[in-house]
Amino acid sequence: MDGKSWMTVMESFLKDFDKSEWVRVAVSYIENQILKQFSNVESFLKDHENGFEQFKTAFLRLCFSKLGGLNGFGPYQ
């Protein structure tokens, strides 16, 4: 599953949670190997208004620039 598809599935799943929790929940499903690529996860977690959109943009940028999609990484291997 590529990063964009994974994020689409995740967004559907997240609708059951309060939007302020979306980053925390999404991060809990991402392997540490990928999370280590982010230097600013805390800022995403603290920004309850725009944190998820910023995280989503950074995640997709990372997936396609460094990981070639998800390249076998992620919870849905």
N, C-alpha and C. Protein backbone atom coordinates (compact mmCIF):
# COMPACT_ATOMS: atom_id res chain seq x y z
N MET A 1 0.85 -1.16 0.00
CA MET A 1 0.00 0.00 0.00
C MET A 1 0.91 1.23 0.00
N ASP A 2 0.62 2.14 -0.90
CA ASP A 2 1.44 3.35 -0.94
C ASP A 2 1.00 4.34 0.14
N GLY A 3 1.80 5.38 0.33
CA GLY A 3 1.54 6.36 1.39
C GLY A 3 0.21 7.07 1.26
N LYS A 4 -0.17 7.40 0.03
CA LYS A 4 -1.43 8.12 -0.18
C LYS A 4 -2.62 7.22 0.17
N SER A 5 -2.58 5.97 -0.25
CA SER A 5 -3.66 5.03 0.08
C SER A 5 -3.73 4.79 1.59
N TRP A 6 -2.56 4.65 2.21
CA TRP A 6 -2.52 4.43 3.66
C TRP A 6 -3.16 5.62 4.38
N MET A 7 -2.84 6.83 3.93
CA MET A 7 -3.38 8.02 4.58
C MET A 7 -4.88 8.12 4.36
N THR A 8 -5.38 7.72 3.20
CA THR A 8 -6.82 7.72 2.94
C THR A 8 -7.54 6.77 3.89
N VAL A 9 -7.00 5.58 4.06
CA VAL A 9 -7.58 4.61 5.00
C VAL A 9 -7.52 5.17 6.42
N MET A 10 -6.39 5.77 6.78
CA MET A 10 -6.23 6.32 8.13
C MET A 10 -7.25 7.43 8.39
N GLU A 11 -7.45 8.32 7.42
CA GLU A 11 -8.42 9.41 7.60
C GLU A 11 -9.83 8.86 7.82
N SER A 12 -10.18 7.81 7.12
CA SER A 12 -11.49 7.20 7.30
C SER A 12 -11.62 6.64 8.72
N PHE A 13 -10.58 5.98 9.19
CA PHE A 13 -10.54 5.43 10.54
C PHE A 13 -10.61 6.53 11.60
N LEU A 14 -9.93 7.63 11.35
CA LEU A 14 -9.84 8.71 12.34
C LEU A 14 -11.15 9.45 12.57
N LYS A 15 -12.10 9.31 11.69
CA LYS A 15 -13.38 10.02 11.84
C LYS A 15 -14.10 9.63 13.14
N ASP A 16 -13.72 8.49 13.72
CA ASP A 16 -14.31 8.06 14.99
C ASP A 16 -13.69 8.77 16.20
N PHE A 17 -12.65 9.56 15.98
CA PHE A 17 -11.94 10.24 17.06
C PHE A 17 -12.13 11.75 16.95
N ASP A 18 -11.94 12.44 18.07
CA ASP A 18 -11.93 13.89 18.06
C ASP A 18 -10.74 14.35 17.23
N LYS A 19 -10.93 15.38 16.42
CA LYS A 19 -9.88 15.83 15.51
C LYS A 19 -8.59 16.20 16.24
N SER A 20 -8.68 16.66 17.47
CA SER A 20 -7.48 17.01 18.23
C SER A 20 -6.62 15.78 18.54
N GLU A 21 -7.18 14.58 18.39
CA GLU A 21 -6.45 13.34 18.66
C GLU A 21 -5.90 12.67 17.40
N TRP A 22 -6.21 13.21 16.24
CA TRP A 22 -5.86 12.54 14.99
C TRP A 22 -4.37 12.28 14.83
N VAL A 23 -3.53 13.25 15.15
CA VAL A 23 -2.08 13.05 14.99
C VAL A 23 -1.61 11.95 15.93
N ARG A 24 -2.04 12.01 17.18
CA ARG A 24 -1.62 11.00 18.16
C ARG A 24 -2.01 9.60 17.70
N VAL A 25 -3.22 9.44 17.23
CA VAL A 25 -3.69 8.13 16.78
C VAL A 25 -2.93 7.68 15.53
N ALA A 26 -2.78 8.55 14.56
CA ALA A 26 -2.07 8.20 13.33
C ALA A 26 -0.63 7.79 13.62
N VAL A 27 0.04 8.56 14.48
CA VAL A 27 1.44 8.27 14.82
C VAL A 27 1.56 6.90 15.49
N SER A 28 0.55 6.51 16.25
CA SER A 28 0.60 5.22 16.94
C SER A 28 0.59 4.04 15.97
N TYR A 29 0.20 4.27 14.73
CA TYR A 29 0.16 3.21 13.72
C TYR A 29 1.36 3.22 12.77
N ILE A 30 2.31 4.10 13.02
CA ILE A 30 3.47 4.22 12.14
C ILE A 30 4.69 3.66 12.83
N GLU A 31 5.45 2.86 12.11
CA GLU A 31 6.64 2.24 12.67
C GLU A 31 7.68 3.28 13.06
N ASN A 32 8.45 2.97 14.09
CA ASN A 32 9.49 3.88 14.56
C ASN A 32 10.50 4.21 13.48
N GLN A 33 10.76 3.27 12.60
CA GLN A 33 11.72 3.49 11.50
C GLN A 33 11.29 4.69 10.65
N ILE A 34 10.02 4.86 10.46
CA ILE A 34 9.50 5.99 9.69
C ILE A 34 9.42 7.23 10.57
N LEU A 35 8.96 7.08 11.81
CA LEU A 35 8.83 8.23 12.70
C LEU A 35 10.16 8.92 12.95
N LYS A 36 11.25 8.17 12.93
CA LYS A 36 12.57 8.76 13.15
C LYS A 36 12.93 9.76 12.06
N GLN A 37 12.25 9.71 10.94
CA GLN A 37 12.51 10.63 9.84
C GLN A 37 11.92 12.02 10.11
N PHE A 38 11.02 12.12 11.08
CA PHE A 38 10.38 13.39 11.41
C PHE A 38 11.12 14.04 12.58
N SER A 39 11.43 15.31 12.43
CA SER A 39 12.08 16.03 13.53
C SER A 39 11.07 16.85 14.32
N ASN A 40 9.84 16.92 13.85
CA ASN A 40 8.87 17.84 14.44
C ASN A 40 7.53 17.20 14.81
N VAL A 41 7.52 15.94 15.19
CA VAL A 41 6.26 15.28 15.55
C VAL A 41 5.58 16.01 16.71
N GLU A 42 6.36 16.50 17.66
CA GLU A 42 5.79 17.22 18.80
C GLU A 42 4.98 18.44 18.36
N SER A 43 5.48 19.16 17.37
CA SER A 43 4.75 20.35 16.91
C SER A 43 3.43 19.96 16.27
N PHE A 44 3.39 18.83 15.58
CA PHE A 44 2.12 18.35 15.01
C PHE A 44 1.14 18.00 16.13
N LEU A 45 1.65 17.35 17.17
CA LEU A 45 0.80 16.94 18.29
C LEU A 45 0.24 18.14 19.05
N LYS A 46 1.01 19.20 19.15
CA LYS A 46 0.58 20.38 19.92
C LYS A 46 -0.40 21.26 19.16
N ASP A 47 -0.37 21.21 17.84
CA ASP A 47 -1.24 22.06 17.03
C ASP A 47 -2.55 21.34 16.74
N HIS A 48 -3.51 21.51 17.63
CA HIS A 48 -4.79 20.80 17.50
C HIS A 48 -5.62 21.29 16.31
N GLU A 49 -5.35 22.49 15.85
CA GLU A 49 -6.11 23.07 14.74
C GLU A 49 -5.61 22.57 13.38
N ASN A 50 -4.29 22.62 13.15
CA ASN A 50 -3.73 22.30 11.84
C ASN A 50 -2.71 21.17 11.88
N GLY A 51 -2.48 20.60 13.04
CA GLY A 51 -1.43 19.59 13.19
C GLY A 51 -1.57 18.40 12.27
N PHE A 52 -2.80 17.91 12.11
CA PHE A 52 -2.97 16.73 11.27
C PHE A 52 -2.68 17.04 9.81
N GLU A 53 -3.14 18.15 9.32
CA GLU A 53 -2.88 18.51 7.92
C GLU A 53 -1.38 18.70 7.68
N GLN A 54 -0.69 19.31 8.65
CA GLN A 54 0.75 19.48 8.53
C GLN A 54 1.45 18.13 8.58
N PHE A 55 1.00 17.25 9.47
CA PHE A 55 1.55 15.91 9.56
C PHE A 55 1.32 15.14 8.26
N LYS A 56 0.11 15.22 7.75
CA LYS A 56 -0.24 14.52 6.52
C LYS A 56 0.66 14.96 5.37
N THR A 57 0.85 16.26 5.22
CA THR A 57 1.71 16.80 4.16
C THR A 57 3.14 16.30 4.33
N ALA A 58 3.66 16.36 5.55
CA ALA A 58 5.03 15.91 5.81
C ALA A 58 5.16 14.41 5.59
N PHE A 59 4.16 13.64 6.00
CA PHE A 59 4.19 12.19 5.83
C PHE A 59 4.21 11.81 4.35
N LEU A 60 3.33 12.41 3.58
CA LEU A 60 3.28 12.09 2.15
C LEU A 60 4.56 12.54 1.44
N ARG A 61 5.08 13.69 1.81
CA ARG A 61 6.34 14.16 1.23
C ARG A 61 7.46 13.15 1.54
N LEU A 62 7.51 12.69 2.77
CA LEU A 62 8.52 11.71 3.17
C LEU A 62 8.34 10.41 2.41
N CYS A 63 7.12 9.93 2.33
CA CYS A 63 6.86 8.66 1.64
C CYS A 63 7.32 8.68 0.20
N PHE A 64 7.05 9.76 -0.49
CA PHE A 64 7.35 9.78 -1.91
C PHE A 64 8.76 10.26 -2.23
N SER A 65 9.37 11.03 -1.34
CA SER A 65 10.72 11.50 -1.65
C SER A 65 11.79 10.55 -1.14
N LYS A 66 11.60 9.97 0.04
CA LYS A 66 12.63 9.13 0.63
C LYS A 66 12.30 7.66 0.63
N LEU A 67 11.04 7.32 0.74
CA LEU A 67 10.66 5.93 0.91
C LEU A 67 10.08 5.30 -0.35
N GLY A 68 9.87 6.09 -1.39
CA GLY A 68 9.32 5.53 -2.63
C GLY A 68 7.94 4.94 -2.43
N GLY A 69 7.00 5.69 -1.97
CA GLY A 69 5.66 5.20 -1.60
C GLY A 69 5.71 4.89 -0.13
N LEU A 70 5.44 3.69 0.27
CA LEU A 70 5.76 3.24 1.62
C LEU A 70 6.86 2.21 1.55
N ASN A 71 7.15 1.73 0.36
CA ASN A 71 8.29 0.85 0.12
C ASN A 71 8.36 -0.30 1.12
N GLY A 72 7.21 -0.87 1.43
CA GLY A 72 7.20 -2.01 2.34
C GLY A 72 7.13 -1.64 3.80
N PHE A 73 7.07 -0.35 4.12
CA PHE A 73 7.00 0.08 5.51
C PHE A 73 5.55 0.35 5.89
N GLY A 74 5.29 0.40 7.16
CA GLY A 74 3.98 0.79 7.64
C GLY A 74 3.22 -0.38 8.22
N PRO A 75 2.09 -0.09 8.80
CA PRO A 75 1.33 -1.10 9.51
C PRO A 75 0.60 -2.09 8.61
N TYR A 76 0.44 -1.76 7.34
CA TYR A 76 -0.33 -2.63 6.43
C TYR A 76 0.57 -3.29 5.41
N GLN A 77 1.66 -3.89 5.84
CA GLN A 77 2.61 -4.50 4.91
C GLN A 77 2.02 -5.75 4.29
